[in-house]
Amino acid sequence: MTTAPGQVPVAQQGPRHPFDPEPVRSTKARAVFALGLIGAFTGLFVGGVVPSIIALRLARQARREAYASGGFLTGADRLRRGERLAWTGLVLVAVAVVAAVVIGVVRLADAPFGHDYAPNID
């Protein structure tokens, strides 16, 4: 037996229990997004480490709380975007640190070693 192409019928769910909580957006998801955004903006200035790490820690807690809530905490899209921004901030920090180290090594290699005496001194 085959089914006709098209939309799959959605199973009707029973009425909600009156004591069920209303779905609400997670405040930690909003905080993760804000901290991830700050981390991405300040990543090249090495100031993005702290907000990015805090965002990733909060994201972990928010995921646990959303799972435990049984679907009554929403905001997974902001949580994902915040995590991506936090990882972007950490990558930018790593790029800035590597660039600073390379520039420092190149400048150190160009510097004369030892004392630079005048040409008439042996």
C-alpha atoms as a PDB file:
ATOM      1  CA  MET A   1       0.000   0.000   0.000  1.00  0.00           C
ATOM      2  CA  THR A   2       1.352   3.441  -0.874  1.00  0.00           C
ATOM      3  CA  THR A   3       0.384   6.873   0.288  1.00  0.00           C
ATOM      4  CA  ALA A   4      -0.296   9.825  -1.942  1.00  0.00           C
ATOM      5  CA  PRO A   5       2.438  12.457  -2.080  1.00  0.00           C
ATOM      6  CA  GLY A   6       1.854  15.594  -0.103  1.00  0.00           C
ATOM      7  CA  GLN A   7       1.780  16.636   3.465  1.00  0.00           C
ATOM      8  CA  VAL A   8       1.919  14.017   6.140  1.00  0.00           C
ATOM      9  CA  PRO A   9      -1.053  14.201   8.480  1.00  0.00           C
ATOM     10  CA  VAL A  10      -0.125  15.534  11.888  1.00  0.00           C
ATOM     11  CA  ALA A  11      -1.244  13.526  14.893  1.00  0.00           C
ATOM     12  CA  GLN A  12      -3.642  15.529  16.993  1.00  0.00           C
ATOM     13  CA  GLN A  13      -2.477  16.039  20.530  1.00  0.00           C
ATOM     14  CA  GLY A  14      -4.884  15.992  23.375  1.00  0.00           C
ATOM     15  CA  PRO A  15      -5.831  19.172  25.186  1.00  0.00           C
ATOM     16  CA  ARG A  16      -3.243  20.583  27.541  1.00  0.00           C
ATOM     17  CA  HIS A  17      -3.654  20.066  31.208  1.00  0.00           C
ATOM     18  CA  PRO A  18      -4.664  23.302  32.943  1.00  0.00           C
ATOM     19  CA  PHE A  19      -1.739  23.046  35.361  1.00  0.00           C
ATOM     20  CA  ASP A  20       0.883  22.790  32.597  1.00  0.00           C
ATOM     21  CA  PRO A  21       3.177  25.806  32.529  1.00  0.00           C
ATOM     22  CA  GLU A  22       3.170  28.128  29.551  1.00  0.00           C
ATOM     23  CA  PRO A  23       6.151  27.795  27.198  1.00  0.00           C
ATOM     24  CA  VAL A  24       8.563  30.607  27.966  1.00  0.00           C
ATOM     25  CA  ARG A  25      11.835  31.739  26.389  1.00  0.00           C
ATOM     26  CA  SER A  26      14.902  30.869  28.415  1.00  0.00           C
ATOM     27  CA  THR A  27      16.650  33.899  29.896  1.00  0.00           C
ATOM     28  CA  LYS A  28      19.946  32.028  29.800  1.00  0.00           C
ATOM     29  CA  ALA A  29      19.550  31.679  26.024  1.00  0.00           C
ATOM     30  CA  ARG A  30      19.284  35.460  25.769  1.00  0.00           C
ATOM     31  CA  ALA A  31      22.354  35.880  27.974  1.00  0.00           C
ATOM     32  CA  VAL A  32      24.316  33.350  25.893  1.00  0.00           C
ATOM     33  CA  PHE A  33      23.469  35.265  22.729  1.00  0.00           C
ATOM     34  CA  ALA A  34      24.457  38.623  24.238  1.00  0.00           C
ATOM     35  CA  LEU A  35      27.729  37.297  25.662  1.00  0.00           C
ATOM     36  CA  GLY A  36      28.545  35.501  22.412  1.00  0.00           C
ATOM     37  CA  LEU A  37      27.947  38.726  20.492  1.00  0.00           C
ATOM     38  CA  ILE A  38      30.217  40.666  22.844  1.00  0.00           C
ATOM     39  CA  GLY A  39      32.847  37.931  22.568  1.00  0.00           C
ATOM     40  CA  ALA A  40      32.745  38.018  18.768  1.00  0.00           C
ATOM     41  CA  PHE A  41      32.995  41.820  18.642  1.00  0.00           C
ATOM     42  CA  THR A  42      35.911  42.013  21.068  1.00  0.00           C
ATOM     43  CA  GLY A  43      37.654  38.836  19.916  1.00  0.00           C
ATOM     44  CA  LEU A  44      40.427  40.539  17.952  1.00  0.00           C
ATOM     45  CA  PHE A  45      41.279  42.706  20.940  1.00  0.00           C
ATOM     46  CA  VAL A  46      41.733  39.599  23.135  1.00  0.00           C
ATOM     47  CA  GLY A  47      38.940  40.869  25.368  1.00  0.00           C
ATOM     48  CA  GLY A  48      36.550  38.299  23.945  1.00  0.00           C
ATOM     49  CA  VAL A  49      37.946  35.401  25.943  1.00  0.00           C
ATOM     50  CA  VAL A  50      35.980  36.019  29.115  1.00  0.00           C
ATOM     51  CA  PRO A  51      32.525  36.635  27.611  1.00  0.00           C
ATOM     52  CA  SER A  52      32.957  33.743  25.176  1.00  0.00           C
ATOM     53  CA  ILE A  53      33.883  31.278  27.903  1.00  0.00           C
ATOM     54  CA  ILE A  54      31.023  32.457  30.103  1.00  0.00           C
ATOM     55  CA  ALA A  55      28.642  32.118  27.129  1.00  0.00           C
ATOM     56  CA  LEU A  56      29.732  28.544  26.489  1.00  0.00           C
ATOM     57  CA  ARG A  57      29.312  27.628  30.160  1.00  0.00           C
ATOM     58  CA  LEU A  58      25.850  29.189  30.289  1.00  0.00           C
ATOM     59  CA  ALA A  59      24.885  27.433  27.067  1.00  0.00           C
ATOM     60  CA  ARG A  60      25.671  24.112  28.656  1.00  0.00           C
ATOM     61  CA  GLN A  61      23.472  24.926  31.649  1.00  0.00           C
ATOM     62  CA  ALA A  62      20.671  26.254  29.437  1.00  0.00           C
ATOM     63  CA  ARG A  63      20.636  23.054  27.382  1.00  0.00           C
ATOM     64  CA  ARG A  64      20.325  20.965  30.538  1.00  0.00           C
ATOM     65  CA  GLU A  65      17.487  23.125  31.842  1.00  0.00           C
ATOM     66  CA  ALA A  66      15.659  23.056  28.499  1.00  0.00           C
ATOM     67  CA  TYR A  67      15.903  19.268  28.393  1.00  0.00           C
ATOM     68  CA  ALA A  68      14.659  18.951  31.962  1.00  0.00           C
ATOM     69  CA  SER A  69      11.733  21.317  31.311  1.00  0.00           C
ATOM     70  CA  GLY A  70      10.169  18.936  28.839  1.00  0.00           C
ATOM     71  CA  GLY A  71       9.727  21.509  26.077  1.00  0.00           C
ATOM     72  CA  PHE A  72       8.408  24.384  28.156  1.00  0.00           C
ATOM     73  CA  LEU A  73      11.658  26.384  27.834  1.00  0.00           C
ATOM     74  CA  THR A  74      12.222  27.734  24.339  1.00  0.00           C
ATOM     75  CA  GLY A  75      15.023  29.737  22.762  1.00  0.00           C
ATOM     76  CA  ALA A  76      17.158  27.023  21.173  1.00  0.00           C
ATOM     77  CA  ASP A  77      17.788  29.203  18.114  1.00  0.00           C
ATOM     78  CA  ARG A  78      19.304  32.007  20.193  1.00  0.00           C
ATOM     79  CA  LEU A  79      21.294  29.445  22.109  1.00  0.00           C
ATOM     80  CA  ARG A  80      22.803  28.011  18.912  1.00  0.00           C
ATOM     81  CA  ARG A  81      23.606  31.457  17.528  1.00  0.00           C
ATOM     82  CA  GLY A  82      25.172  32.512  20.816  1.00  0.00           C
ATOM     83  CA  GLU A  83      27.361  29.411  20.893  1.00  0.00           C
ATOM     84  CA  ARG A  84      28.513  30.033  17.327  1.00  0.00           C
ATOM     85  CA  LEU A  85      29.330  33.645  18.145  1.00  0.00           C
ATOM     86  CA  ALA A  86      31.226  32.582  21.274  1.00  0.00           C
ATOM     87  CA  TRP A  87      33.308  30.079  19.302  1.00  0.00           C
ATOM     88  CA  THR A  88      33.927  32.783  16.682  1.00  0.00           C
ATOM     89  CA  GLY A  89      35.162  35.085  19.440  1.00  0.00           C
ATOM     90  CA  LEU A  90      37.538  32.411  20.731  1.00  0.00           C
ATOM     91  CA  VAL A  91      38.881  31.775  17.228  1.00  0.00           C
ATOM     92  CA  LEU A  92      39.453  35.512  16.761  1.00  0.00           C
ATOM     93  CA  VAL A  93      41.311  35.632  20.073  1.00  0.00           C
ATOM     94  CA  ALA A  94      43.517  32.746  18.966  1.00  0.00           C
ATOM     95  CA  VAL A  95      44.229  34.485  15.645  1.00  0.00           C
ATOM     96  CA  ALA A  96      45.140  37.715  17.451  1.00  0.00           C
ATOM     97  CA  VAL A  97      47.467  35.923  19.872  1.00  0.00           C
ATOM     98  CA  VAL A  98      49.202  33.977  17.106  1.00  0.00           C
ATOM     99  CA  ALA A  99      49.621  37.146  15.035  1.00  0.00           C
ATOM    100  CA  ALA A 100      51.087  38.992  18.036  1.00  0.00           C
ATOM    101  CA  VAL A 101      53.542  36.165  18.714  1.00  0.00           C
ATOM    102  CA  VAL A 102      54.643  36.051  15.057  1.00  0.00           C
ATOM    103  CA  ILE A 103      55.103  39.818  14.932  1.00  0.00           C
ATOM    104  CA  GLY A 104      57.072  39.706  18.187  1.00  0.00           C
ATOM    105  CA  VAL A 105      59.359  36.927  16.960  1.00  0.00           C
ATOM    106  CA  VAL A 106      60.012  38.718  13.662  1.00  0.00           C
ATOM    107  CA  ARG A 107      60.853  41.970  15.437  1.00  0.00           C
ATOM    108  CA  LEU A 108      63.090  40.146  17.883  1.00  0.00           C
ATOM    109  CA  ALA A 109      64.910  38.464  14.996  1.00  0.00           C
ATOM    110  CA  ASP A 110      65.563  41.846  13.337  1.00  0.00           C
ATOM    111  CA  ALA A 111      67.028  43.358  16.494  1.00  0.00           C
ATOM    112  CA  PRO A 112      70.833  43.321  16.740  1.00  0.00           C
ATOM    113  CA  PHE A 113      72.265  40.828  19.182  1.00  0.00           C
ATOM    114  CA  GLY A 114      74.696  42.109  21.825  1.00  0.00           C
ATOM    115  CA  HIS A 115      76.200  45.563  21.897  1.00  0.00           C
ATOM    116  CA  ASP A 116      76.408  47.713  18.808  1.00  0.00           C
ATOM    117  CA  TYR A 117      79.802  49.396  19.087  1.00  0.00           C
ATOM    118  CA  ALA A 118      81.036  52.244  16.930  1.00  0.00           C
ATOM    119  CA  PRO A 119      83.055  51.231  13.841  1.00  0.00           C
ATOM    120  CA  ASN A 120      86.343  52.565  15.230  1.00  0.00           C
ATOM    121  CA  ILE A 121      86.304  50.302  18.324  1.00  0.00           C
ATOM    122  CA  ASP A 122      87.823  46.809  18.273  1.00  0.00           C
END
